[in-house]
C-alpha atoms as a PDB file:
ATOM      1  CA  UNK A   1     -48.852 196.473  50.553  1.00  0.00           C
ATOM      2  CA  UNK A   2     -47.205 199.887  50.590  1.00  0.00           C
ATOM      3  CA  UNK A   3     -47.623 202.130  47.583  1.00  0.00           C
ATOM      4  CA  UNK A   4     -44.544 203.230  45.689  1.00  0.00           C
ATOM      5  CA  UNK A   5     -42.957 206.468  46.882  1.00  0.00           C
ATOM      6  CA  UNK A   6     -45.286 209.365  46.262  1.00  0.00           C
ATOM      7  CA  UNK A   7     -43.257 212.534  45.792  1.00  0.00           C
ATOM      8  CA  UNK A   8     -44.738 215.653  47.427  1.00  0.00           C
ATOM      9  CA  UNK A   9     -43.607 217.625  44.366  1.00  0.00           C
ATOM     10  CA  UNK A  10     -46.176 215.722  42.304  1.00  0.00           C
ATOM     11  CA  UNK A  11     -49.082 216.973  44.433  1.00  0.00           C
ATOM     12  CA  UNK A  12     -51.102 219.574  42.540  1.00  0.00           C
ATOM     13  CA  UNK A  13     -54.726 219.200  43.641  1.00  0.00           C
ATOM     14  CA  UNK A  14     -56.976 217.842  46.381  1.00  0.00           C
ATOM     15  CA  UNK A  15     -57.002 214.307  44.964  1.00  0.00           C
ATOM     16  CA  UNK A  16     -53.221 214.002  44.678  1.00  0.00           C
ATOM     17  CA  UNK A  17     -52.871 215.511  48.187  1.00  0.00           C
ATOM     18  CA  UNK A  18     -55.181 212.836  49.609  1.00  0.00           C
ATOM     19  CA  UNK A  19     -53.171 210.151  47.766  1.00  0.00           C
ATOM     20  CA  UNK A  20     -49.979 211.576  49.251  1.00  0.00           C
ATOM     21  CA  UNK A  21     -51.419 211.509  52.777  1.00  0.00           C
ATOM     22  CA  UNK A  22     -52.566 207.905  52.250  1.00  0.00           C
ATOM     23  CA  UNK A  23     -49.034 207.015  51.128  1.00  0.00           C
ATOM     24  CA  UNK A  24     -47.598 208.762  54.195  1.00  0.00           C
ATOM     25  CA  UNK A  25     -49.917 206.786  56.493  1.00  0.00           C
ATOM     26  CA  UNK A  26     -48.947 203.479  54.878  1.00  0.00           C
ATOM     27  CA  UNK A  27     -45.275 204.413  55.006  1.00  0.00           C
ATOM     28  CA  UNK A  28     -45.490 205.190  58.754  1.00  0.00           C
ATOM     29  CA  UNK A  29     -47.384 201.960  59.418  1.00  0.00           C
ATOM     30  CA  UNK A  30     -44.713 199.967  57.598  1.00  0.00           C
ATOM     31  CA  UNK A  31     -42.011 201.809  59.556  1.00  0.00           C
ATOM     32  CA  UNK A  32     -43.800 200.946  62.825  1.00  0.00           C
ATOM     33  CA  UNK A  33     -43.802 197.261  61.862  1.00  0.00           C
ATOM     34  CA  UNK A  34     -40.125 197.297  60.876  1.00  0.00           C
ATOM     35  CA  UNK A  35     -39.123 199.123  64.038  1.00  0.00           C
ATOM     36  CA  UNK A  36     -41.072 196.681  66.215  1.00  0.00           C
ATOM     37  CA  UNK A  37     -39.416 193.686  64.545  1.00  0.00           C
ATOM     38  CA  UNK A  38     -35.859 195.054  64.839  1.00  0.00           C
ATOM     39  CA  UNK A  39     -35.766 197.806  67.442  1.00  0.00           C
ATOM     40  CA  UNK A  40     -31.968 197.698  67.797  1.00  0.00           C
ATOM     41  CA  UNK A  41     -31.457 198.439  64.100  1.00  0.00           C
ATOM     42  CA  UNK A  42     -33.644 201.533  64.292  1.00  0.00           C
ATOM     43  CA  UNK A  43     -32.425 202.780  67.661  1.00  0.00           C
ATOM     44  CA  UNK A  44     -30.831 205.942  66.217  1.00  0.00           C
ATOM     45  CA  UNK A  45     -33.120 206.583  63.252  1.00  0.00           C
ATOM     46  CA  UNK A  46     -36.496 205.335  62.176  1.00  0.00           C
ATOM     47  CA  UNK A  47     -37.320 202.916  59.390  1.00  0.00           C
ATOM     48  CA  UNK A  48     -38.156 204.268  55.927  1.00  0.00           C
ATOM     49  CA  UNK A  49     -36.387 207.526  56.722  1.00  0.00           C
ATOM     50  CA  UNK A  50     -38.777 208.532  59.509  1.00  0.00           C
ATOM     51  CA  UNK A  51     -37.103 210.830  61.998  1.00  0.00           C
ATOM     52  CA  UNK A  52     -40.226 211.587  64.042  1.00  0.00           C
ATOM     53  CA  UNK A  53     -42.573 208.927  65.345  1.00  0.00           C
ATOM     54  CA  UNK A  54     -44.779 210.907  67.739  1.00  0.00           C
ATOM     55  CA  UNK A  55     -47.281 213.492  66.544  1.00  0.00           C
ATOM     56  CA  UNK A  56     -45.565 216.236  68.539  1.00  0.00           C
ATOM     57  CA  UNK A  57     -42.101 215.537  67.110  1.00  0.00           C
ATOM     58  CA  UNK A  58     -43.626 215.095  63.638  1.00  0.00           C
ATOM     59  CA  UNK A  59     -45.256 218.536  63.797  1.00  0.00           C
ATOM     60  CA  UNK A  60     -42.132 220.117  65.303  1.00  0.00           C
ATOM     61  CA  UNK A  61     -40.121 218.709  62.387  1.00  0.00           C
ATOM     62  CA  UNK A  62     -42.665 219.993  59.879  1.00  0.00           C
ATOM     63  CA  UNK A  63     -42.589 223.482  61.376  1.00  0.00           C
ATOM     64  CA  UNK A  64     -38.786 223.569  61.627  1.00  0.00           C
ATOM     65  CA  UNK A  65     -38.443 222.327  58.049  1.00  0.00           C
ATOM     66  CA  UNK A  66     -40.953 224.824  56.693  1.00  0.00           C
ATOM     67  CA  UNK A  67     -39.325 227.639  58.662  1.00  0.00           C
ATOM     68  CA  UNK A  68     -35.964 226.678  57.172  1.00  0.00           C
ATOM     69  CA  UNK A  69     -37.263 226.933  53.598  1.00  0.00           C
ATOM     70  CA  UNK A  70     -37.695 230.554  52.686  1.00  0.00           C
ATOM     71  CA  UNK A  71     -39.728 229.761  49.575  1.00  0.00           C
ATOM     72  CA  UNK A  72     -42.214 227.469  51.317  1.00  0.00           C
ATOM     73  CA  UNK A  73     -45.825 228.623  50.826  1.00  0.00           C
ATOM     74  CA  UNK A  74     -44.887 232.055  49.512  1.00  0.00           C
ATOM     75  CA  UNK A  75     -47.152 231.891  46.474  1.00  0.00           C
ATOM     76  CA  UNK A  76     -50.109 234.158  45.901  1.00  0.00           C
ATOM     77  CA  UNK A  77     -53.274 233.150  47.691  1.00  0.00           C
ATOM     78  CA  UNK A  78     -51.692 231.089  50.461  1.00  0.00           C
ATOM     79  CA  UNK A  79     -50.294 227.564  50.547  1.00  0.00           C
ATOM     80  CA  UNK A  80     -50.955 225.245  47.626  1.00  0.00           C
ATOM     81  CA  UNK A  81     -51.779 221.538  47.833  1.00  0.00           C
ATOM     82  CA  UNK A  82     -48.118 220.890  47.055  1.00  0.00           C
ATOM     83  CA  UNK A  83     -47.034 223.204  49.889  1.00  0.00           C
ATOM     84  CA  UNK A  84     -49.226 221.261  52.321  1.00  0.00           C
ATOM     85  CA  UNK A  85     -47.763 217.950  51.107  1.00  0.00           C
ATOM     86  CA  UNK A  86     -44.216 219.283  51.499  1.00  0.00           C
ATOM     87  CA  UNK A  87     -45.086 220.426  55.025  1.00  0.00           C
ATOM     88  CA  UNK A  88     -46.213 216.910  55.963  1.00  0.00           C
ATOM     89  CA  UNK A  89     -43.196 215.324  54.275  1.00  0.00           C
ATOM     90  CA  UNK A  90     -40.896 217.594  56.275  1.00  0.00           C
ATOM     91  CA  UNK A  91     -42.527 216.179  59.406  1.00  0.00           C
ATOM     92  CA  UNK A  92     -41.258 212.774  58.339  1.00  0.00           C
ATOM     93  CA  UNK A  93     -37.676 213.679  57.487  1.00  0.00           C
ATOM     94  CA  UNK A  94     -36.694 216.825  59.403  1.00  0.00           C
ATOM     95  CA  UNK A  95     -35.080 216.398  62.819  1.00  0.00           C
END
């Protein structure tokens, strides 16, 4: 059973980051199942809002999304847990 949507903006520490990554894994697994069951429906876009299903396209989307956000990870001391969660979320949604 998939967890409810876990917003990357709610990530603020290691524990909430791990929870977010677990949600992301479950969300991708559910999308895989949906796409397998009805491939025609998801021909032009993935289930659950996934735009990138391979690791390479996922990481390309994350990089492109982060590059397009001028304020991403610009805090003092490097990226925060939230910044890392946003980076992964961008991999899901950014084309």
